[in-house]
Amino acid sequence: HVSANRDDRVFADPFRFDIERHPNEHVAFGGGGPHFCLGANLARMELRLMFRELAERVPDISMAGEPQYLRSNFIGGVKHLPVQYTPTPSTNTQPLDRLGSAATGDTGGYGHR
């Protein structure tokens, strides 16, 4: 089943980028069976957090063109997604701690020292 999220028998507009597409039981994140991704729950959490942070930090972000999709028989996804937003001056001058909690500074023994 090569088409995955682009199956026109399942989706009305299979090539349109729609993050809330339903039903969306594609093979990459949990269609079940032998191809179920063991990291699906972690990937979902990472995406949810990334989009939540993006929405909070850039509230006026919107699409500025059509997405360009990856051309692959093995993985589906968006290669380029043009967006537009209004840049604002940063109010946080501290760098993000890549390995620990930005809120508490707890790195669990790793990260910046």
PDB file of N, CA and C in Angstrom:
ATOM      1  N   HIS A   1       0.861  -1.176   0.000  1.00  0.00           N
ATOM      2  CA  HIS A   1       0.000   0.000   0.000  1.00  0.00           C
ATOM      3  C   HIS A   1       0.902   1.233   0.000  1.00  0.00           C
ATOM      4  N   VAL A   2       1.405   1.592  -1.140  1.00  0.00           N
ATOM      5  CA  VAL A   2       2.414   2.644  -1.274  1.00  0.00           C
ATOM      6  C   VAL A   2       1.856   4.038  -1.020  1.00  0.00           C
ATOM      7  N   SER A   3       0.592   4.302  -1.329  1.00  0.00           N
ATOM      8  CA  SER A   3       0.085   5.670  -1.281  1.00  0.00           C
ATOM      9  C   SER A   3      -0.112   6.210   0.131  1.00  0.00           C
ATOM     10  N   ALA A   4      -0.304   5.363   1.131  1.00  0.00           N
ATOM     11  CA  ALA A   4      -0.466   5.759   2.533  1.00  0.00           C
ATOM     12  C   ALA A   4      -1.431   6.925   2.684  1.00  0.00           C
ATOM     13  N   ASN A   5      -0.962   8.110   3.079  1.00  0.00           N
ATOM     14  CA  ASN A   5      -1.843   9.259   3.301  1.00  0.00           C
ATOM     15  C   ASN A   5      -2.385   9.871   2.018  1.00  0.00           C
ATOM     16  N   ARG A   6      -1.950   9.410   0.882  1.00  0.00           N
ATOM     17  CA  ARG A   6      -2.411   9.989  -0.381  1.00  0.00           C
ATOM     18  C   ARG A   6      -3.349   9.037  -1.130  1.00  0.00           C
ATOM     19  N   ASP A   7      -4.040   8.180  -0.408  1.00  0.00           N
ATOM     20  CA  ASP A   7      -4.953   7.213  -1.007  1.00  0.00           C
ATOM     21  C   ASP A   7      -6.289   7.892  -1.290  1.00  0.00           C
ATOM     22  N   ASP A   8      -6.593   8.124  -2.565  1.00  0.00           N
ATOM     23  CA  ASP A   8      -7.834   8.820  -2.914  1.00  0.00           C
ATOM     24  C   ASP A   8      -9.080   7.978  -2.647  1.00  0.00           C
ATOM     25  N   ARG A   9      -8.908   6.703  -2.325  1.00  0.00           N
ATOM     26  CA  ARG A   9     -10.063   5.888  -1.932  1.00  0.00           C
ATOM     27  C   ARG A   9     -10.430   6.144  -0.475  1.00  0.00           C
ATOM     28  N   VAL A  10      -9.519   6.722   0.291  1.00  0.00           N
ATOM     29  CA  VAL A  10      -9.745   6.968   1.712  1.00  0.00           C
ATOM     30  C   VAL A  10      -9.969   8.451   1.994  1.00  0.00           C
ATOM     31  N   PHE A  11      -9.213   9.322   1.328  1.00  0.00           N
ATOM     32  CA  PHE A  11      -9.258  10.757   1.602  1.00  0.00           C
ATOM     33  C   PHE A  11      -9.804  11.520   0.403  1.00  0.00           C
ATOM     34  N   ALA A  12     -10.709  12.464   0.665  1.00  0.00           N
ATOM     35  CA  ALA A  12     -11.340  13.246  -0.398  1.00  0.00           C
ATOM     36  C   ALA A  12     -10.325  14.074  -1.180  1.00  0.00           C
ATOM     37  N   ASP A  13      -9.358  14.651  -0.519  1.00  0.00           N
ATOM     38  CA  ASP A  13      -8.352  15.490  -1.167  1.00  0.00           C
ATOM     39  C   ASP A  13      -6.980  15.036  -0.664  1.00  0.00           C
ATOM     40  N   PRO A  14      -6.476  13.905  -1.165  1.00  0.00           N
ATOM     41  CA  PRO A  14      -5.306  13.262  -0.563  1.00  0.00           C
ATOM     42  C   PRO A  14      -4.010  14.056  -0.626  1.00  0.00           C
ATOM     43  N   PHE A  15      -3.868  15.000  -1.547  1.00  0.00           N
ATOM     44  CA  PHE A  15      -2.604  15.733  -1.662  1.00  0.00           C
ATOM     45  C   PHE A  15      -2.631  17.079  -0.951  1.00  0.00           C
ATOM     46  N   ARG A  16      -3.742  17.419  -0.294  1.00  0.00           N
ATOM     47  CA  ARG A  16      -3.835  18.668   0.467  1.00  0.00           C
ATOM     48  C   ARG A  16      -3.290  18.430   1.870  1.00  0.00           C
ATOM     49  N   PHE A  17      -2.404  19.320   2.350  1.00  0.00           N
ATOM     50  CA  PHE A  17      -1.863  19.210   3.705  1.00  0.00           C
ATOM     51  C   PHE A  17      -2.956  19.557   4.703  1.00  0.00           C
ATOM     52  N   ASP A  18      -3.318  18.604   5.542  1.00  0.00           N
ATOM     53  CA  ASP A  18      -4.343  18.818   6.552  1.00  0.00           C
ATOM     54  C   ASP A  18      -3.934  18.067   7.807  1.00  0.00           C
ATOM     55  N   ILE A  19      -3.426  18.784   8.794  1.00  0.00           N
ATOM     56  CA  ILE A  19      -2.914  18.137  10.000  1.00  0.00           C
ATOM     57  C   ILE A  19      -4.020  17.484  10.809  1.00  0.00           C
ATOM     58  N   GLU A  20      -5.268  17.880  10.595  1.00  0.00           N
ATOM     59  CA  GLU A  20      -6.392  17.300  11.324  1.00  0.00           C
ATOM     60  C   GLU A  20      -7.169  16.296  10.476  1.00  0.00           C
ATOM     61  N   ARG A  21      -6.578  15.787   9.427  1.00  0.00           N
ATOM     62  CA  ARG A  21      -7.239  14.834   8.527  1.00  0.00           C
ATOM     63  C   ARG A  21      -7.792  13.656   9.320  1.00  0.00           C
ATOM     64  N   HIS A  22      -9.002  13.234   8.946  1.00  0.00           N
ATOM     65  CA  HIS A  22      -9.654  12.127   9.643  1.00  0.00           C
ATOM     66  C   HIS A  22     -10.400  11.262   8.648  1.00  0.00           C
ATOM     67  N   PRO A  23     -10.349   9.982   8.683  1.00  0.00           N
ATOM     68  CA  PRO A  23      -9.510   9.176   9.559  1.00  0.00           C
ATOM     69  C   PRO A  23      -8.071   9.233   9.074  1.00  0.00           C
ATOM     70  N   ASN A  24      -7.146   9.056   9.967  1.00  0.00           N
ATOM     71  CA  ASN A  24      -5.742   9.166   9.578  1.00  0.00           C
ATOM     72  C   ASN A  24      -4.936   8.027  10.192  1.00  0.00           C
ATOM     73  N   GLU A  25      -5.327   6.818   9.901  1.00  0.00           N
ATOM     74  CA  GLU A  25      -4.641   5.647  10.442  1.00  0.00           C
ATOM     75  C   GLU A  25      -3.617   5.130   9.443  1.00  0.00           C
ATOM     76  N   HIS A  26      -2.655   5.973   9.111  1.00  0.00           N
ATOM     77  CA  HIS A  26      -1.661   5.565   8.128  1.00  0.00           C
ATOM     78  C   HIS A  26      -0.602   4.682   8.764  1.00  0.00           C
ATOM     79  N   VAL A  27       0.189   4.032   7.945  1.00  0.00           N
ATOM     80  CA  VAL A  27       1.136   3.034   8.436  1.00  0.00           C
ATOM     81  C   VAL A  27       2.275   3.617   9.260  1.00  0.00           C
ATOM     82  N   ALA A  28       2.606   4.878   9.115  1.00  0.00           N
ATOM     83  CA  ALA A  28       3.766   5.420   9.818  1.00  0.00           C
ATOM     84  C   ALA A  28       3.534   5.603  11.310  1.00  0.00           C
ATOM     85  N   PHE A  29       2.324   5.943  11.721  1.00  0.00           N
ATOM     86  CA  PHE A  29       2.097   6.238  13.134  1.00  0.00           C
ATOM     87  C   PHE A  29       1.137   5.304  13.833  1.00  0.00           C
ATOM     88  N   GLY A  30       0.636   4.310  13.233  1.00  0.00           N
ATOM     89  CA  GLY A  30      -0.215   3.445  14.034  1.00  0.00           C
ATOM     90  C   GLY A  30      -1.356   2.824  13.283  1.00  0.00           C
ATOM     91  N   GLY A  31      -1.175   2.507  12.033  1.00  0.00           N
ATOM     92  CA  GLY A  31      -2.208   1.787  11.314  1.00  0.00           C
ATOM     93  C   GLY A  31      -2.337   0.368  11.833  1.00  0.00           C
ATOM     94  N   GLY A  32      -1.419  -0.045  12.678  1.00  0.00           N
ATOM     95  CA  GLY A  32      -1.463  -1.371  13.262  1.00  0.00           C
ATOM     96  C   GLY A  32      -0.708  -2.378  12.423  1.00  0.00           C
ATOM     97  N   GLY A  33      -0.692  -3.583  12.883  1.00  0.00           N
ATOM     98  CA  GLY A  33      -0.055  -4.649  12.138  1.00  0.00           C
ATOM     99  C   GLY A  33       1.456  -4.626  12.238  1.00  0.00           C
ATOM    100  N   PRO A  34       2.110  -5.345  11.340  1.00  0.00           N
ATOM    101  CA  PRO A  34       3.564  -5.499  11.427  1.00  0.00           C
ATOM    102  C   PRO A  34       4.341  -4.225  11.142  1.00  0.00           C
ATOM    103  N   HIS A  35       3.703  -3.227  10.565  1.00  0.00           N
ATOM    104  CA  HIS A  35       4.410  -1.989  10.220  1.00  0.00           C
ATOM    105  C   HIS A  35       4.226  -0.898  11.268  1.00  0.00           C
ATOM    106  N   PHE A  36       3.607  -1.218  12.390  1.00  0.00           N
ATOM    107  CA  PHE A  36       3.376  -0.220  13.431  1.00  0.00           C
ATOM    108  C   PHE A  36       4.708   0.324  13.938  1.00  0.00           C
ATOM    109  N   CYS A  37       4.808   1.619  14.034  1.00  0.00           N
ATOM    110  CA  CYS A  37       6.039   2.279  14.477  1.00  0.00           C
ATOM    111  C   CYS A  37       6.151   2.208  15.998  1.00  0.00           C
ATOM    112  N   LEU A  38       7.238   1.652  16.496  1.00  0.00           N
ATOM    113  CA  LEU A  38       7.434   1.539  17.940  1.00  0.00           C
ATOM    114  C   LEU A  38       7.603   2.905  18.602  1.00  0.00           C
ATOM    115  N   GLY A  39       8.037   3.901  17.857  1.00  0.00           N
ATOM    116  CA  GLY A  39       8.218   5.241  18.406  1.00  0.00           C
ATOM    117  C   GLY A  39       7.034   6.156  18.164  1.00  0.00           C
ATOM    118  N   ALA A  40       5.881   5.596  17.776  1.00  0.00           N
ATOM    119  CA  ALA A  40       4.722   6.410  17.414  1.00  0.00           C
ATOM    120  C   ALA A  40       4.284   7.342  18.538  1.00  0.00           C
ATOM    121  N   ASN A  41       4.181   6.837  19.758  1.00  0.00           N
ATOM    122  CA  ASN A  41       3.716   7.685  20.859  1.00  0.00           C
ATOM    123  C   ASN A  41       4.701   8.802  21.169  1.00  0.00           C
ATOM    124  N   LEU A  42       5.985   8.507  21.128  1.00  0.00           N
ATOM    125  CA  LEU A  42       6.995   9.541  21.345  1.00  0.00           C
ATOM    126  C   LEU A  42       6.933  10.584  20.228  1.00  0.00           C
ATOM    127  N   ALA A  43       6.813  10.138  18.991  1.00  0.00           N
ATOM    128  CA  ALA A  43       6.743  11.068  17.860  1.00  0.00           C
ATOM    129  C   ALA A  43       5.505  11.950  17.953  1.00  0.00           C
ATOM    130  N   ARG A  44       4.363  11.379  18.329  1.00  0.00           N
ATOM    131  CA  ARG A  44       3.137  12.173  18.490  1.00  0.00           C
ATOM    132  C   ARG A  44       3.327  13.245  19.560  1.00  0.00           C
ATOM    133  N   MET A  45       3.921  12.850  20.698  1.00  0.00           N
ATOM    134  CA  MET A  45       4.147  13.801  21.775  1.00  0.00           C
ATOM    135  C   MET A  45       5.087  14.921  21.320  1.00  0.00           C
ATOM    136  N   GLU A  46       6.172  14.564  20.629  1.00  0.00           N
ATOM    137  CA  GLU A  46       7.119  15.571  20.151  1.00  0.00           C
ATOM    138  C   GLU A  46       6.446  16.542  19.186  1.00  0.00           C
ATOM    139  N   LEU A  47       5.637  16.025  18.268  1.00  0.00           N
ATOM    140  CA  LEU A  47       4.942  16.897  17.319  1.00  0.00           C
ATOM    141  C   LEU A  47       3.933  17.793  18.028  1.00  0.00           C
ATOM    142  N   ARG A  48       3.186  17.231  18.974  1.00  0.00           N
ATOM    143  CA  ARG A  48       2.204  18.019  19.718  1.00  0.00           C
ATOM    144  C   ARG A  48       2.898  19.161  20.462  1.00  0.00           C
ATOM    145  N   LEU A  49       4.010  18.868  21.131  1.00  0.00           N
ATOM    146  CA  LEU A  49       4.748  19.902  21.858  1.00  0.00           C
ATOM    147  C   LEU A  49       5.348  20.943  20.923  1.00  0.00           C
ATOM    148  N   MET A  50       5.882  20.482  19.793  1.00  0.00           N
ATOM    149  CA  MET A  50       6.486  21.411  18.838  1.00  0.00           C
ATOM    150  C   MET A  50       5.436  22.375  18.280  1.00  0.00           C
ATOM    151  N   PHE A  51       4.264  21.852  17.894  1.00  0.00           N
ATOM    152  CA  PHE A  51       3.230  22.732  17.346  1.00  0.00           C
ATOM    153  C   PHE A  51       2.642  23.642  18.426  1.00  0.00           C
ATOM    154  N   ARG A  52       2.532  23.165  19.661  1.00  0.00           N
ATOM    155  CA  ARG A  52       2.040  24.010  20.753  1.00  0.00           C
ATOM    156  C   ARG A  52       3.007  25.166  20.991  1.00  0.00           C
ATOM    157  N   GLU A  53       4.307  24.880  21.055  1.00  0.00           N
ATOM    158  CA  GLU A  53       5.321  25.921  21.246  1.00  0.00           C
ATOM    159  C   GLU A  53       5.299  26.907  20.087  1.00  0.00           C
ATOM    160  N   LEU A  54       5.217  26.403  18.872  1.00  0.00           N
ATOM    161  CA  LEU A  54       5.189  27.268  17.695  1.00  0.00           C
ATOM    162  C   LEU A  54       3.984  28.201  17.742  1.00  0.00           C
ATOM    163  N   ALA A  55       2.809  27.669  18.080  1.00  0.00           N
ATOM    164  CA  ALA A  55       1.596  28.492  18.145  1.00  0.00           C
ATOM    165  C   ALA A  55       1.695  29.555  19.234  1.00  0.00           C
ATOM    166  N   GLU A  56       2.321  29.218  20.359  1.00  0.00           N
ATOM    167  CA  GLU A  56       2.472  30.197  21.441  1.00  0.00           C
ATOM    168  C   GLU A  56       3.483  31.275  21.087  1.00  0.00           C
ATOM    169  N   ARG A  57       4.568  30.897  20.423  1.00  0.00           N
ATOM    170  CA  ARG A  57       5.633  31.845  20.118  1.00  0.00           C
ATOM    171  C   ARG A  57       5.366  32.663  18.858  1.00  0.00           C
ATOM    172  N   VAL A  58       4.603  32.100  17.933  1.00  0.00           N
ATOM    173  CA  VAL A  58       4.332  32.775  16.655  1.00  0.00           C
ATOM    174  C   VAL A  58       2.826  32.681  16.382  1.00  0.00           C
ATOM    175  N   PRO A  59       2.016  33.485  17.086  1.00  0.00           N
ATOM    176  CA  PRO A  59       0.563  33.328  17.002  1.00  0.00           C
ATOM    177  C   PRO A  59      -0.046  33.664  15.644  1.00  0.00           C
ATOM    178  N   ASP A  60       0.627  34.454  14.824  1.00  0.00           N
ATOM    179  CA  ASP A  60       0.029  34.832  13.538  1.00  0.00           C
ATOM    180  C   ASP A  60       0.598  34.035  12.363  1.00  0.00           C
ATOM    181  N   ILE A  61       1.211  32.885  12.621  1.00  0.00           N
ATOM    182  CA  ILE A  61       1.787  32.076  11.547  1.00  0.00           C
ATOM    183  C   ILE A  61       0.673  31.527  10.653  1.00  0.00           C
ATOM    184  N   SER A  62       0.911  31.551   9.351  1.00  0.00           N
ATOM    185  CA  SER A  62      -0.059  30.994   8.403  1.00  0.00           C
ATOM    186  C   SER A  62       0.677  30.487   7.169  1.00  0.00           C
ATOM    187  N   MET A  63       0.021  29.616   6.437  1.00  0.00           N
ATOM    188  CA  MET A  63       0.627  29.060   5.227  1.00  0.00           C
ATOM    189  C   MET A  63       0.751  30.145   4.168  1.00  0.00           C
ATOM    190  N   ALA A  64       1.868  30.132   3.441  1.00  0.00           N
ATOM    191  CA  ALA A  64       2.127  31.137   2.409  1.00  0.00           C
ATOM    192  C   ALA A  64       2.286  30.484   1.045  1.00  0.00           C
ATOM    193  N   GLY A  65       1.777  29.309   0.893  1.00  0.00           N
ATOM    194  CA  GLY A  65       1.891  28.586  -0.367  1.00  0.00           C
ATOM    195  C   GLY A  65       1.568  27.127  -0.153  1.00  0.00           C
ATOM    196  N   GLU A  66       1.654  26.392  -1.217  1.00  0.00           N
ATOM    197  CA  GLU A  66       1.356  24.966  -1.157  1.00  0.00           C
ATOM    198  C   GLU A  66       2.559  24.189  -0.630  1.00  0.00           C
ATOM    199  N   PRO A  67       2.306  23.170   0.173  1.00  0.00           N
ATOM    200  CA  PRO A  67       3.419  22.342   0.641  1.00  0.00           C
ATOM    201  C   PRO A  67       4.005  21.514  -0.489  1.00  0.00           C
ATOM    202  N   GLN A  68       5.285  21.232  -0.399  1.00  0.00           N
ATOM    203  CA  GLN A  68       5.944  20.306  -1.323  1.00  0.00           C
ATOM    204  C   GLN A  68       6.169  19.018  -0.552  1.00  0.00           C
ATOM    205  N   TYR A  69       5.663  17.927  -1.110  1.00  0.00           N
ATOM    206  CA  TYR A  69       5.735  16.645  -0.419  1.00  0.00           C
ATOM    207  C   TYR A  69       6.998  15.884  -0.783  1.00  0.00           C
ATOM    208  N   LEU A  70       7.437  15.040   0.148  1.00  0.00           N
ATOM    209  CA  LEU A  70       8.554  14.141  -0.123  1.00  0.00           C
ATOM    210  C   LEU A  70       8.137  13.173  -1.214  1.00  0.00           C
ATOM    211  N   ARG A  71       9.057  12.832  -2.073  1.00  0.00           N
ATOM    212  CA  ARG A  71       8.790  11.829  -3.103  1.00  0.00           C
ATOM    213  C   ARG A  71       9.500  10.558  -2.681  1.00  0.00           C
ATOM    214  N   SER A  72       8.745   9.647  -2.090  1.00  0.00           N
ATOM    215  CA  SER A  72       9.340   8.431  -1.563  1.00  0.00           C
ATOM    216  C   SER A  72       8.294   7.327  -1.506  1.00  0.00           C
ATOM    217  N   ASN A  73       8.725   6.117  -1.754  1.00  0.00           N
ATOM    218  CA  ASN A  73       7.845   4.966  -1.583  1.00  0.00           C
ATOM    219  C   ASN A  73       7.898   4.429  -0.164  1.00  0.00           C
ATOM    220  N   PHE A  74       8.771   4.980   0.670  1.00  0.00           N
ATOM    221  CA  PHE A  74       8.991   4.423   1.993  1.00  0.00           C
ATOM    222  C   PHE A  74       8.457   5.288   3.123  1.00  0.00           C
ATOM    223  N   ILE A  75       8.413   6.593   2.920  1.00  0.00           N
ATOM    224  CA  ILE A  75       7.966   7.487   3.984  1.00  0.00           C
ATOM    225  C   ILE A  75       7.222   8.653   3.359  1.00  0.00           C
ATOM    226  N   GLY A  76       6.153   9.060   3.987  1.00  0.00           N
ATOM    227  CA  GLY A  76       5.398  10.206   3.510  1.00  0.00           C
ATOM    228  C   GLY A  76       5.676  11.404   4.392  1.00  0.00           C
ATOM    229  N   GLY A  77       5.612  12.565   3.830  1.00  0.00           N
ATOM    230  CA  GLY A  77       5.827  13.754   4.641  1.00  0.00           C
ATOM    231  C   GLY A  77       5.936  15.000   3.797  1.00  0.00           C
ATOM    232  N   VAL A  78       6.063  16.106   4.468  1.00  0.00           N
ATOM    233  CA  VAL A  78       6.183  17.407   3.822  1.00  0.00           C
ATOM    234  C   VAL A  78       7.655  17.780   3.775  1.00  0.00           C
ATOM    235  N   LYS A  79       8.143  18.113   2.581  1.00  0.00           N
ATOM    236  CA  LYS A  79       9.542  18.515   2.415  1.00  0.00           C
ATOM    237  C   LYS A  79       9.708  20.010   2.671  1.00  0.00           C
ATOM    238  N   HIS A  80       8.810  20.813   2.121  1.00  0.00           N
ATOM    239  CA  HIS A  80       8.836  22.267   2.310  1.00  0.00           C
ATOM    240  C   HIS A  80       7.412  22.745   2.562  1.00  0.00           C
ATOM    241  N   LEU A  81       7.256  23.624   3.543  1.00  0.00           N
ATOM    242  CA  LEU A  81       5.959  24.211   3.847  1.00  0.00           C
ATOM    243  C   LEU A  81       6.170  25.708   4.049  1.00  0.00           C
ATOM    244  N   PRO A  82       5.909  26.507   3.001  1.00  0.00           N
ATOM    245  CA  PRO A  82       6.124  27.951   3.133  1.00  0.00           C
ATOM    246  C   PRO A  82       5.122  28.564   4.118  1.00  0.00           C
ATOM    247  N   VAL A  83       5.629  29.384   5.020  1.00  0.00           N
ATOM    248  CA  VAL A  83       4.777  30.058   5.994  1.00  0.00           C
ATOM    249  C   VAL A  83       5.117  31.541   6.025  1.00  0.00           C
ATOM    250  N   GLN A  84       4.212  32.312   6.592  1.00  0.00           N
ATOM    251  CA  GLN A  84       4.465  33.737   6.802  1.00  0.00           C
ATOM    252  C   GLN A  84       4.068  34.084   8.232  1.00  0.00           C
ATOM    253  N   TYR A  85       4.763  35.068   8.798  1.00  0.00           N
ATOM    254  CA  TYR A  85       4.479  35.515  10.154  1.00  0.00           C
ATOM    255  C   TYR A  85       5.118  36.880  10.338  1.00  0.00           C
ATOM    256  N   THR A  86       4.732  37.536  11.408  1.00  0.00           N
ATOM    257  CA  THR A  86       5.294  38.839  11.731  1.00  0.00           C
ATOM    258  C   THR A  86       6.400  38.651  12.761  1.00  0.00           C
ATOM    259  N   PRO A  87       7.656  38.942  12.393  1.00  0.00           N
ATOM    260  CA  PRO A  87       8.744  38.808  13.373  1.00  0.00           C
ATOM    261  C   PRO A  87       8.573  39.816  14.506  1.00  0.00           C
ATOM    262  N   THR A  88       8.891  39.384  15.698  1.00  0.00           N
ATOM    263  CA  THR A  88       8.849  40.276  16.855  1.00  0.00           C
ATOM    264  C   THR A  88      10.171  40.165  17.590  1.00  0.00           C
ATOM    265  N   PRO A  89      10.564  41.212  18.309  1.00  0.00           N
ATOM    266  CA  PRO A  89      11.809  41.132  19.073  1.00  0.00           C
ATOM    267  C   PRO A  89      11.679  40.075  20.162  1.00  0.00           C
ATOM    268  N   SER A  90      12.750  39.382  20.409  1.00  0.00           N
ATOM    269  CA  SER A  90      12.751  38.339  21.429  1.00  0.00           C
ATOM    270  C   SER A  90      12.700  38.964  22.813  1.00  0.00           C
ATOM    271  N   THR A  91      11.855  38.395  23.668  1.00  0.00           N
ATOM    272  CA  THR A  91      11.805  38.846  25.058  1.00  0.00           C
ATOM    273  C   THR A  91      12.642  37.940  25.946  1.00  0.00           C
ATOM    274  N   ASN A  92      13.062  36.803  25.416  1.00  0.00           N
ATOM    275  CA  ASN A  92      13.879  35.861  26.178  1.00  0.00           C
ATOM    276  C   ASN A  92      15.263  35.827  25.555  1.00  0.00           C
ATOM    277  N   THR A  93      16.241  36.322  26.282  1.00  0.00           N
ATOM    278  CA  THR A  93      17.603  36.359  25.745  1.00  0.00           C
ATOM    279  C   THR A  93      18.421  35.152  26.167  1.00  0.00           C
ATOM    280  N   GLN A  94      17.847  34.272  27.004  1.00  0.00           N
ATOM    281  CA  GLN A  94      18.552  33.075  27.444  1.00  0.00           C
ATOM    282  C   GLN A  94      18.415  31.978  26.389  1.00  0.00           C
ATOM    283  N   PRO A  95      19.511  31.273  26.092  1.00  0.00           N
ATOM    284  CA  PRO A  95      19.400  30.166  25.136  1.00  0.00           C
ATOM    285  C   PRO A  95      18.593  29.029  25.741  1.00  0.00           C
ATOM    286  N   LEU A  96      17.914  28.280  24.893  1.00  0.00           N
ATOM    287  CA  LEU A  96      17.186  27.105  25.361  1.00  0.00           C
ATOM    288  C   LEU A  96      18.174  26.024  25.756  1.00  0.00           C
ATOM    289  N   ASP A  97      17.887  25.339  26.828  1.00  0.00           N
ATOM    290  CA  ASP A  97      18.688  24.196  27.244  1.00  0.00           C
ATOM    291  C   ASP A  97      18.186  23.005  26.444  1.00  0.00           C
ATOM    292  N   ARG A  98      18.964  22.543  25.513  1.00  0.00           N
ATOM    293  CA  ARG A  98      18.537  21.502  24.584  1.00  0.00           C
ATOM    294  C   ARG A  98      18.277  20.148  25.240  1.00  0.00           C
ATOM    295  N   LEU A  99      18.899  19.875  26.384  1.00  0.00           N
ATOM    296  CA  LEU A  99      18.749  18.552  26.986  1.00  0.00           C
ATOM    297  C   LEU A  99      17.923  18.549  28.258  1.00  0.00           C
ATOM    298  N   GLY A 100      17.666  19.702  28.831  1.00  0.00           N
ATOM    299  CA  GLY A 100      16.938  19.741  30.085  1.00  0.00           C
ATOM    300  C   GLY A 100      15.683  20.569  29.969  1.00  0.00           C
ATOM    301  N   SER A 101      15.062  20.801  31.088  1.00  0.00           N
ATOM    302  CA  SER A 101      13.836  21.571  31.131  1.00  0.00           C
ATOM    303  C   SER A 101      14.159  23.058  31.055  1.00  0.00           C
ATOM    304  N   ALA A 102      13.578  23.749  30.084  1.00  0.00           N
ATOM    305  CA  ALA A 102      13.806  25.186  29.950  1.00  0.00           C
ATOM    306  C   ALA A 102      13.152  25.936  31.105  1.00  0.00           C
ATOM    307  N   ALA A 103      12.078  25.365  31.664  1.00  0.00           N
ATOM    308  CA  ALA A 103      11.354  26.048  32.730  1.00  0.00           C
ATOM    309  C   ALA A 103      12.112  25.987  34.055  1.00  0.00           C
ATOM    310  N   THR A 104      12.748  24.856  34.356  1.00  0.00           N
ATOM    311  CA  THR A 104      13.378  24.700  35.662  1.00  0.00           C
ATOM    312  C   THR A 104      14.889  24.708  35.597  1.00  0.00           C
ATOM    313  N   GLY A 105      15.443  24.519  34.414  1.00  0.00           N
ATOM    314  CA  GLY A 105      16.882  24.429  34.291  1.00  0.00           C
ATOM    315  C   GLY A 105      17.416  23.068  34.691  1.00  0.00           C
ATOM    316  N   ASP A 106      16.529  22.113  35.009  1.00  0.00           N
ATOM    317  CA  ASP A 106      16.940  20.768  35.417  1.00  0.00           C
ATOM    318  C   ASP A 106      17.412  19.994  34.200  1.00  0.00           C
ATOM    319  N   THR A 107      18.677  19.663  34.179  1.00  0.00           N
ATOM    320  CA  THR A 107      19.231  18.925  33.043  1.00  0.00           C
ATOM    321  C   THR A 107      19.420  17.459  33.353  1.00  0.00           C
ATOM    322  N   GLY A 108      19.091  17.040  34.548  1.00  0.00           N
ATOM    323  CA  GLY A 108      19.253  15.643  34.902  1.00  0.00           C
ATOM    324  C   GLY A 108      20.694  15.178  34.808  1.00  0.00           C
ATOM    325  N   GLY A 109      21.635  16.081  35.010  1.00  0.00           N
ATOM    326  CA  GLY A 109      23.040  15.713  34.935  1.00  0.00           C
ATOM    327  C   GLY A 109      23.651  15.914  33.564  1.00  0.00           C
ATOM    328  N   TYR A 110      22.859  16.355  32.599  1.00  0.00           N
ATOM    329  CA  TYR A 110      23.356  16.576  31.244  1.00  0.00           C
ATOM    330  C   TYR A 110      23.117  18.026  30.854  1.00  0.00           C
ATOM    331  N   GLY A 111      23.694  18.426  29.760  1.00  0.00           N
ATOM    332  CA  GLY A 111      23.415  19.761  29.238  1.00  0.00           C
ATOM    333  C   GLY A 111      24.510  20.749  29.581  1.00  0.00           C
ATOM    334  N   HIS A 112      24.139  22.033  29.587  1.00  0.00           N
ATOM    335  CA  HIS A 112      25.103  23.106  29.826  1.00  0.00           C
ATOM    336  C   HIS A 112      25.551  23.103  31.273  1.00  0.00           C
ATOM    337  N   ARG A 113      26.814  23.430  31.492  1.00  0.00           N
ATOM    338  CA  ARG A 113      27.341  23.504  32.861  1.00  0.00           C
ATOM    339  C   ARG A 113      27.896  24.877  33.101  1.00  0.00           C
TER     340      ARG A 113
END
